[in-house]
Amino acid sequence: APETPLSVALAMLLAQPSEQPLFVVDAVGRLGGELRFHDLMDALFPYRLAAGGSFDQVQSSYLMIGIVRDLMHQRLHPLHENSTLGELARQAIQRKTAILPVTDAAGRFLGQVDIHRILATLCTDAAPQAPAPRADTARKDVP
């Protein structure tokens, strides 16, 4: 939820695979935004990009007072539940991400789709199968 403390969101982000965003839904299940690990790190280490900045300057108090709404991206373009593979590929390329949210017609979050898993399935399905040995050329063990 957008009101989730950042400390809880960090724990949730750390519990899932790297680079997977945390999709944020409202009280009725509508997709409201996403929080990415690097955005949270930017907030915790605000001086890391500044000249002479140090990672020792952690804004740990921000974890205690900040909420997800403070950092989440709200301009999402989710896939619809009936989106095609072509739409998935286009969105993944445009957004430079492999994981995209999926919503229904009312904007309710249904889940996420990972283009890596889809490509792996397509590659597995397209891989040539080894032909079965013919009966007349099969090896016969002779005692």
N, C-alpha and C. Protein backbone atom coordinates (compact mmCIF):
# COMPACT_ATOMS: atom_id res chain seq x y z
N ALA A 1 0.84 -1.18 0.00
CA ALA A 1 0.00 0.00 0.00
C ALA A 1 0.89 1.25 0.00
N PRO A 2 0.41 2.33 -0.54
CA PRO A 2 1.23 3.56 -0.58
C PRO A 2 1.65 4.05 0.80
N GLU A 3 0.91 3.70 1.85
CA GLU A 3 1.23 4.15 3.20
C GLU A 3 2.21 3.23 3.92
N THR A 4 2.68 2.19 3.25
CA THR A 4 3.62 1.25 3.86
C THR A 4 4.92 1.96 4.21
N PRO A 5 5.43 1.77 5.42
CA PRO A 5 6.71 2.38 5.79
C PRO A 5 7.84 1.87 4.89
N LEU A 6 8.79 2.73 4.59
CA LEU A 6 9.91 2.34 3.73
C LEU A 6 10.73 1.21 4.35
N SER A 7 10.77 1.13 5.67
CA SER A 7 11.51 0.04 6.31
C SER A 7 10.89 -1.31 5.96
N VAL A 8 9.57 -1.36 5.90
CA VAL A 8 8.87 -2.60 5.51
C VAL A 8 9.09 -2.87 4.02
N ALA A 9 9.02 -1.83 3.21
CA ALA A 9 9.23 -1.99 1.77
C ALA A 9 10.63 -2.49 1.47
N LEU A 10 11.63 -2.00 2.19
CA LEU A 10 13.00 -2.47 1.99
C LEU A 10 13.09 -3.96 2.30
N ALA A 11 12.49 -4.40 3.38
CA ALA A 11 12.51 -5.83 3.72
C ALA A 11 11.84 -6.64 2.63
N MET A 12 10.75 -6.13 2.07
CA MET A 12 10.04 -6.84 1.00
C MET A 12 10.91 -6.90 -0.26
N LEU A 13 11.56 -5.80 -0.60
CA LEU A 13 12.42 -5.78 -1.79
C LEU A 13 13.60 -6.73 -1.62
N LEU A 14 14.17 -6.80 -0.44
CA LEU A 14 15.31 -7.68 -0.20
C LEU A 14 14.91 -9.15 -0.22
N ALA A 15 13.64 -9.44 0.01
CA ALA A 15 13.17 -10.82 0.05
C ALA A 15 12.84 -11.39 -1.34
N GLN A 16 12.85 -10.56 -2.35
CA GLN A 16 12.51 -11.04 -3.69
C GLN A 16 13.74 -10.96 -4.59
N PRO A 17 13.65 -11.57 -5.77
CA PRO A 17 14.80 -11.57 -6.67
C PRO A 17 15.27 -10.15 -7.01
N SER A 18 16.56 -10.04 -7.23
CA SER A 18 17.18 -8.75 -7.55
C SER A 18 16.51 -8.09 -8.75
N GLU A 19 16.42 -6.78 -8.68
CA GLU A 19 15.86 -5.96 -9.76
C GLU A 19 14.35 -6.14 -9.97
N GLN A 20 13.70 -6.90 -9.14
CA GLN A 20 12.25 -7.04 -9.26
C GLN A 20 11.59 -5.91 -8.50
N PRO A 21 10.73 -5.13 -9.17
CA PRO A 21 10.08 -4.01 -8.47
C PRO A 21 9.01 -4.50 -7.50
N LEU A 22 8.67 -3.62 -6.60
CA LEU A 22 7.57 -3.87 -5.68
C LEU A 22 6.38 -3.10 -6.23
N PHE A 23 5.35 -3.82 -6.68
CA PHE A 23 4.17 -3.16 -7.22
C PHE A 23 3.26 -2.76 -6.06
N VAL A 24 2.77 -1.53 -6.12
CA VAL A 24 2.01 -0.94 -5.02
C VAL A 24 0.54 -0.88 -5.43
N VAL A 25 -0.32 -1.43 -4.58
CA VAL A 25 -1.76 -1.42 -4.85
C VAL A 25 -2.49 -0.67 -3.74
N ASP A 26 -3.63 -0.10 -4.10
CA ASP A 26 -4.43 0.62 -3.10
C ASP A 26 -5.35 -0.35 -2.37
N ALA A 27 -6.22 0.19 -1.54
CA ALA A 27 -7.09 -0.62 -0.69
C ALA A 27 -8.05 -1.52 -1.47
N VAL A 28 -8.38 -1.15 -2.72
CA VAL A 28 -9.30 -1.97 -3.50
C VAL A 28 -8.57 -2.80 -4.57
N GLY A 29 -7.24 -2.82 -4.49
CA GLY A 29 -6.47 -3.68 -5.38
C GLY A 29 -6.03 -3.05 -6.69
N ARG A 30 -6.28 -1.75 -6.87
CA ARG A 30 -5.84 -1.09 -8.11
C ARG A 30 -4.35 -0.79 -8.04
N LEU A 31 -3.68 -0.97 -9.16
CA LEU A 31 -2.26 -0.69 -9.25
C LEU A 31 -2.04 0.81 -9.13
N GLY A 32 -1.21 1.21 -8.18
CA GLY A 32 -0.97 2.62 -7.95
C GLY A 32 0.43 3.08 -8.31
N GLY A 33 1.37 2.13 -8.37
CA GLY A 33 2.73 2.51 -8.68
C GLY A 33 3.68 1.34 -8.46
N GLU A 34 4.97 1.67 -8.55
CA GLU A 34 5.99 0.67 -8.30
C GLU A 34 7.15 1.33 -7.57
N LEU A 35 7.81 0.54 -6.76
CA LEU A 35 8.99 0.98 -6.04
C LEU A 35 10.14 0.07 -6.45
N ARG A 36 11.22 0.68 -6.87
CA ARG A 36 12.40 -0.08 -7.28
C ARG A 36 13.50 0.07 -6.24
N PHE A 37 14.30 -0.97 -6.11
CA PHE A 37 15.36 -1.00 -5.12
C PHE A 37 16.31 0.19 -5.28
N HIS A 38 16.69 0.50 -6.52
CA HIS A 38 17.66 1.59 -6.72
C HIS A 38 17.08 2.94 -6.29
N ASP A 39 15.78 3.14 -6.40
CA ASP A 39 15.18 4.39 -5.94
C ASP A 39 15.28 4.52 -4.42
N LEU A 40 15.07 3.41 -3.74
CA LEU A 40 15.19 3.41 -2.28
C LEU A 40 16.65 3.65 -1.87
N MET A 41 17.59 3.05 -2.60
CA MET A 41 19.01 3.26 -2.30
C MET A 41 19.41 4.72 -2.53
N ASP A 42 18.87 5.33 -3.59
CA ASP A 42 19.15 6.75 -3.84
C ASP A 42 18.66 7.62 -2.68
N ALA A 43 17.54 7.26 -2.10
CA ALA A 43 17.01 8.03 -0.97
C ALA A 43 17.83 7.81 0.30
N LEU A 44 18.33 6.59 0.48
CA LEU A 44 19.11 6.29 1.68
C LEU A 44 20.54 6.82 1.60
N PHE A 45 21.07 6.89 0.39
CA PHE A 45 22.45 7.36 0.19
C PHE A 45 22.43 8.58 -0.73
N PRO A 46 21.88 9.69 -0.26
CA PRO A 46 21.70 10.85 -1.13
C PRO A 46 23.00 11.50 -1.59
N TYR A 47 24.09 11.20 -0.92
CA TYR A 47 25.35 11.85 -1.26
C TYR A 47 26.25 10.96 -2.12
N ARG A 48 25.79 9.80 -2.49
CA ARG A 48 26.68 8.86 -3.17
C ARG A 48 27.11 9.36 -4.53
N LEU A 49 26.32 10.18 -5.19
CA LEU A 49 26.68 10.68 -6.51
C LEU A 49 27.35 12.05 -6.45
N ALA A 50 27.25 12.69 -5.30
CA ALA A 50 27.85 14.03 -5.16
C ALA A 50 29.36 13.90 -5.01
N ALA A 51 30.08 14.88 -5.49
CA ALA A 51 31.53 14.87 -5.38
C ALA A 51 31.92 14.81 -3.91
N GLY A 52 32.75 13.85 -3.60
CA GLY A 52 33.21 13.71 -2.23
C GLY A 52 32.20 13.06 -1.30
N GLY A 53 31.07 12.62 -1.85
CA GLY A 53 30.05 11.98 -1.02
C GLY A 53 30.54 10.67 -0.45
N SER A 54 29.87 10.19 0.56
CA SER A 54 30.30 8.97 1.23
C SER A 54 29.10 8.09 1.51
N PHE A 55 29.31 6.79 1.39
CA PHE A 55 28.25 5.85 1.73
C PHE A 55 28.03 5.80 3.23
N ASP A 56 28.92 6.44 3.99
CA ASP A 56 28.75 6.48 5.44
C ASP A 56 27.62 7.42 5.84
N GLN A 57 27.20 8.25 4.91
CA GLN A 57 26.15 9.22 5.21
C GLN A 57 24.78 8.64 4.89
N VAL A 58 24.41 7.62 5.62
CA VAL A 58 23.15 6.93 5.39
C VAL A 58 22.00 7.69 6.06
N GLN A 59 20.93 7.86 5.33
CA GLN A 59 19.76 8.52 5.88
C GLN A 59 18.82 7.47 6.48
N SER A 60 19.32 6.76 7.50
CA SER A 60 18.54 5.68 8.08
C SER A 60 17.24 6.17 8.71
N SER A 61 17.21 7.42 9.16
CA SER A 61 15.97 7.94 9.73
C SER A 61 14.87 7.98 8.67
N TYR A 62 15.27 8.10 7.41
CA TYR A 62 14.28 8.12 6.33
C TYR A 62 13.50 6.81 6.26
N LEU A 63 14.16 5.71 6.60
CA LEU A 63 13.48 4.42 6.64
C LEU A 63 12.36 4.42 7.67
N MET A 64 12.54 5.17 8.73
CA MET A 64 11.56 5.17 9.81
C MET A 64 10.40 6.12 9.56
N ILE A 65 10.64 7.22 8.83
CA ILE A 65 9.58 8.21 8.65
C ILE A 65 8.99 8.22 7.24
N GLY A 66 9.75 7.69 6.26
CA GLY A 66 9.27 7.71 4.89
C GLY A 66 8.25 6.62 4.63
N ILE A 67 7.41 6.85 3.62
CA ILE A 67 6.44 5.83 3.20
C ILE A 67 6.64 5.58 1.70
N VAL A 68 6.11 4.50 1.23
CA VAL A 68 6.27 4.08 -0.16
C VAL A 68 5.82 5.18 -1.12
N ARG A 69 4.73 5.86 -0.82
CA ARG A 69 4.22 6.91 -1.70
C ARG A 69 5.29 7.96 -2.01
N ASP A 70 6.20 8.20 -1.07
CA ASP A 70 7.24 9.21 -1.25
C ASP A 70 8.17 8.88 -2.41
N LEU A 71 8.37 7.61 -2.69
CA LEU A 71 9.36 7.20 -3.69
C LEU A 71 8.82 6.42 -4.88
N MET A 72 7.57 5.98 -4.80
CA MET A 72 7.06 5.12 -5.87
C MET A 72 6.84 5.89 -7.17
N HIS A 73 7.01 5.18 -8.27
CA HIS A 73 6.71 5.73 -9.60
C HIS A 73 5.24 5.48 -9.86
N GLN A 74 4.51 6.52 -10.22
CA GLN A 74 3.08 6.39 -10.43
C GLN A 74 2.69 6.31 -11.91
N ARG A 75 3.58 6.70 -12.79
CA ARG A 75 3.25 6.70 -14.22
C ARG A 75 3.62 5.34 -14.82
N LEU A 76 2.75 4.40 -14.62
CA LEU A 76 2.97 3.05 -15.13
C LEU A 76 2.12 2.81 -16.36
N HIS A 77 2.56 1.92 -17.17
CA HIS A 77 1.79 1.48 -18.34
C HIS A 77 1.68 -0.04 -18.26
N PRO A 78 0.77 -0.51 -17.42
CA PRO A 78 0.67 -1.96 -17.21
C PRO A 78 0.13 -2.67 -18.45
N LEU A 79 0.41 -3.93 -18.51
CA LEU A 79 -0.18 -4.78 -19.53
C LEU A 79 -1.60 -5.11 -19.10
N HIS A 80 -2.47 -5.27 -20.07
CA HIS A 80 -3.83 -5.73 -19.79
C HIS A 80 -3.79 -7.25 -19.75
N GLU A 81 -4.71 -7.85 -19.08
CA GLU A 81 -4.72 -9.30 -18.94
C GLU A 81 -4.80 -10.02 -20.28
N ASN A 82 -5.26 -9.34 -21.35
CA ASN A 82 -5.34 -9.97 -22.67
C ASN A 82 -4.26 -9.47 -23.62
N SER A 83 -3.19 -8.87 -23.09
CA SER A 83 -2.11 -8.36 -23.93
C SER A 83 -1.42 -9.51 -24.67
N THR A 84 -0.90 -9.19 -25.83
CA THR A 84 -0.19 -10.18 -26.64
C THR A 84 1.28 -10.23 -26.26
N LEU A 85 1.97 -11.26 -26.75
CA LEU A 85 3.41 -11.35 -26.52
C LEU A 85 4.13 -10.17 -27.17
N GLY A 86 3.62 -9.71 -28.31
CA GLY A 86 4.20 -8.55 -28.98
C GLY A 86 4.11 -7.30 -28.11
N GLU A 87 2.97 -7.10 -27.45
CA GLU A 87 2.81 -5.94 -26.56
C GLU A 87 3.75 -6.06 -25.36
N LEU A 88 3.88 -7.27 -24.84
CA LEU A 88 4.79 -7.51 -23.73
C LEU A 88 6.22 -7.16 -24.13
N ALA A 89 6.65 -7.64 -25.29
CA ALA A 89 8.01 -7.37 -25.75
C ALA A 89 8.23 -5.87 -25.96
N ARG A 90 7.26 -5.20 -26.58
CA ARG A 90 7.38 -3.76 -26.83
C ARG A 90 7.52 -2.98 -25.53
N GLN A 91 6.67 -3.31 -24.56
CA GLN A 91 6.72 -2.62 -23.26
C GLN A 91 8.05 -2.89 -22.55
N ALA A 92 8.49 -4.14 -22.57
CA ALA A 92 9.74 -4.49 -21.89
C ALA A 92 10.91 -3.73 -22.51
N ILE A 93 10.93 -3.62 -23.82
CA ILE A 93 12.01 -2.90 -24.50
C ILE A 93 11.92 -1.40 -24.22
N GLN A 94 10.74 -0.83 -24.33
CA GLN A 94 10.57 0.61 -24.10
C GLN A 94 10.92 1.00 -22.67
N ARG A 95 10.50 0.19 -21.72
CA ARG A 95 10.72 0.52 -20.30
C ARG A 95 12.05 0.01 -19.78
N LYS A 96 12.75 -0.78 -20.59
CA LYS A 96 14.04 -1.35 -20.20
C LYS A 96 13.92 -2.14 -18.91
N THR A 97 12.90 -3.00 -18.90
CA THR A 97 12.66 -3.85 -17.74
C THR A 97 12.15 -5.20 -18.23
N ALA A 98 12.36 -6.21 -17.43
CA ALA A 98 11.90 -7.55 -17.80
C ALA A 98 10.62 -7.94 -17.08
N ILE A 99 10.25 -7.19 -16.06
CA ILE A 99 9.08 -7.54 -15.25
C ILE A 99 8.05 -6.43 -15.37
N LEU A 100 6.86 -6.81 -15.80
CA LEU A 100 5.80 -5.83 -16.02
C LEU A 100 4.54 -6.21 -15.26
N PRO A 101 3.81 -5.20 -14.75
CA PRO A 101 2.56 -5.49 -14.05
C PRO A 101 1.43 -5.79 -15.04
N VAL A 102 0.47 -6.56 -14.57
CA VAL A 102 -0.70 -6.91 -15.38
C VAL A 102 -1.94 -6.51 -14.59
N THR A 103 -2.86 -5.82 -15.27
CA THR A 103 -4.11 -5.39 -14.63
C THR A 103 -5.31 -5.86 -15.44
N ASP A 104 -6.47 -5.82 -14.79
CA ASP A 104 -7.71 -6.10 -15.50
C ASP A 104 -8.27 -4.78 -16.04
N ALA A 105 -9.46 -4.83 -16.62
CA ALA A 105 -10.07 -3.64 -17.23
C ALA A 105 -10.34 -2.54 -16.21
N ALA A 106 -10.52 -2.89 -14.95
CA ALA A 106 -10.79 -1.90 -13.90
C ALA A 106 -9.50 -1.36 -13.27
N GLY A 107 -8.34 -1.82 -13.77
CA GLY A 107 -7.08 -1.34 -13.23
C GLY A 107 -6.61 -2.09 -12.00
N ARG A 108 -7.31 -3.19 -11.66
CA ARG A 108 -6.90 -3.99 -10.50
C ARG A 108 -5.67 -4.82 -10.86
N PHE A 109 -4.72 -4.83 -9.97
CA PHE A 109 -3.47 -5.57 -10.16
C PHE A 109 -3.74 -7.07 -10.11
N LEU A 110 -3.37 -7.77 -11.17
CA LEU A 110 -3.57 -9.22 -11.23
C LEU A 110 -2.28 -9.99 -10.95
N GLY A 111 -1.16 -9.35 -11.21
CA GLY A 111 0.13 -10.02 -11.02
C GLY A 111 1.17 -9.38 -11.91
N GLN A 112 2.22 -10.13 -12.14
CA GLN A 112 3.29 -9.62 -12.98
C GLN A 112 3.72 -10.69 -13.96
N VAL A 113 4.32 -10.24 -15.03
CA VAL A 113 4.83 -11.17 -16.03
C VAL A 113 6.32 -10.86 -16.22
N ASP A 114 7.10 -11.93 -16.31
CA ASP A 114 8.55 -11.81 -16.46
C ASP A 114 8.92 -12.28 -17.86
N ILE A 115 9.43 -11.37 -18.68
CA ILE A 115 9.75 -11.72 -20.06
C ILE A 115 10.83 -12.80 -20.13
N HIS A 116 11.70 -12.88 -19.12
CA HIS A 116 12.72 -13.93 -19.11
C HIS A 116 12.08 -15.31 -19.09
N ARG A 117 11.06 -15.47 -18.27
CA ARG A 117 10.38 -16.77 -18.19
C ARG A 117 9.66 -17.11 -19.49
N ILE A 118 9.06 -16.10 -20.10
CA ILE A 118 8.36 -16.34 -21.36
C ILE A 118 9.36 -16.74 -22.44
N LEU A 119 10.48 -16.03 -22.53
CA LEU A 119 11.49 -16.37 -23.53
C LEU A 119 12.08 -17.76 -23.28
N ALA A 120 12.29 -18.10 -22.02
CA ALA A 120 12.80 -19.43 -21.70
C ALA A 120 11.82 -20.52 -22.16
N THR A 121 10.53 -20.26 -21.94
CA THR A 121 9.52 -21.23 -22.38
C THR A 121 9.48 -21.33 -23.90
N LEU A 122 9.54 -20.18 -24.57
CA LEU A 122 9.54 -20.19 -26.03
C LEU A 122 10.76 -20.92 -26.58
N CYS A 123 11.92 -20.70 -25.97
CA CYS A 123 13.14 -21.38 -26.43
C CYS A 123 13.04 -22.88 -26.21
N THR A 124 12.50 -23.28 -25.07
CA THR A 124 12.34 -24.70 -24.78
C THR A 124 11.37 -25.34 -25.77
N ASP A 125 10.27 -24.65 -26.04
CA ASP A 125 9.28 -25.19 -26.97
C ASP A 125 9.82 -25.25 -28.39
N ALA A 126 10.71 -24.33 -28.75
CA ALA A 126 11.23 -24.27 -30.11
C ALA A 126 12.47 -25.15 -30.32
N ALA A 127 13.05 -25.63 -29.24
CA ALA A 127 14.27 -26.44 -29.36
C ALA A 127 13.96 -27.74 -30.11
N PRO A 128 14.84 -28.10 -31.03
CA PRO A 128 14.59 -29.34 -31.76
C PRO A 128 14.70 -30.55 -30.84
N GLN A 129 13.82 -31.45 -31.04
CA GLN A 129 13.80 -32.68 -30.25
C GLN A 129 14.69 -33.72 -30.95
N ALA A 130 15.42 -34.47 -30.16
CA ALA A 130 16.24 -35.54 -30.74
C ALA A 130 15.31 -36.61 -31.28
N PRO A 131 15.58 -37.07 -32.49
CA PRO A 131 14.70 -38.10 -33.05
C PRO A 131 14.84 -39.40 -32.27
N ALA A 132 13.74 -40.11 -32.18
CA ALA A 132 13.76 -41.41 -31.51
C ALA A 132 14.54 -42.38 -32.38
N PRO A 133 15.32 -43.28 -31.77
CA PRO A 133 16.08 -44.24 -32.57
C PRO A 133 15.14 -45.15 -33.36
N ARG A 134 15.55 -45.41 -34.58
CA ARG A 134 14.74 -46.31 -35.41
C ARG A 134 14.95 -47.73 -34.93
N ALA A 135 13.95 -48.52 -35.09
CA ALA A 135 14.01 -49.91 -34.62
C ALA A 135 15.12 -50.69 -35.32
N ASP A 136 15.35 -50.43 -36.61
CA ASP A 136 16.32 -51.22 -37.35
C ASP A 136 17.77 -50.78 -37.08
N THR A 137 17.96 -49.61 -36.43
CA THR A 137 19.34 -49.17 -36.14
C THR A 137 19.62 -49.14 -34.64
N ALA A 138 18.64 -49.52 -33.85
CA ALA A 138 18.85 -49.51 -32.41
C ALA A 138 19.91 -50.54 -32.03
N ARG A 139 20.74 -50.16 -31.05
CA ARG A 139 21.80 -51.06 -30.60
C ARG A 139 21.20 -52.27 -29.92
N LYS A 140 21.74 -53.38 -30.26
CA LYS A 140 21.28 -54.62 -29.63
C LYS A 140 22.45 -55.21 -28.87
N ASP A 141 22.26 -55.37 -27.60
CA ASP A 141 23.32 -56.00 -26.79
C ASP A 141 23.30 -57.49 -27.02
N VAL A 142 24.47 -58.01 -27.30
CA VAL A 142 24.61 -59.44 -27.53
C VAL A 142 25.37 -60.02 -26.35
N PRO A 143 24.83 -61.06 -25.75
CA PRO A 143 25.53 -61.64 -24.58
C PRO A 143 26.83 -62.32 -24.98
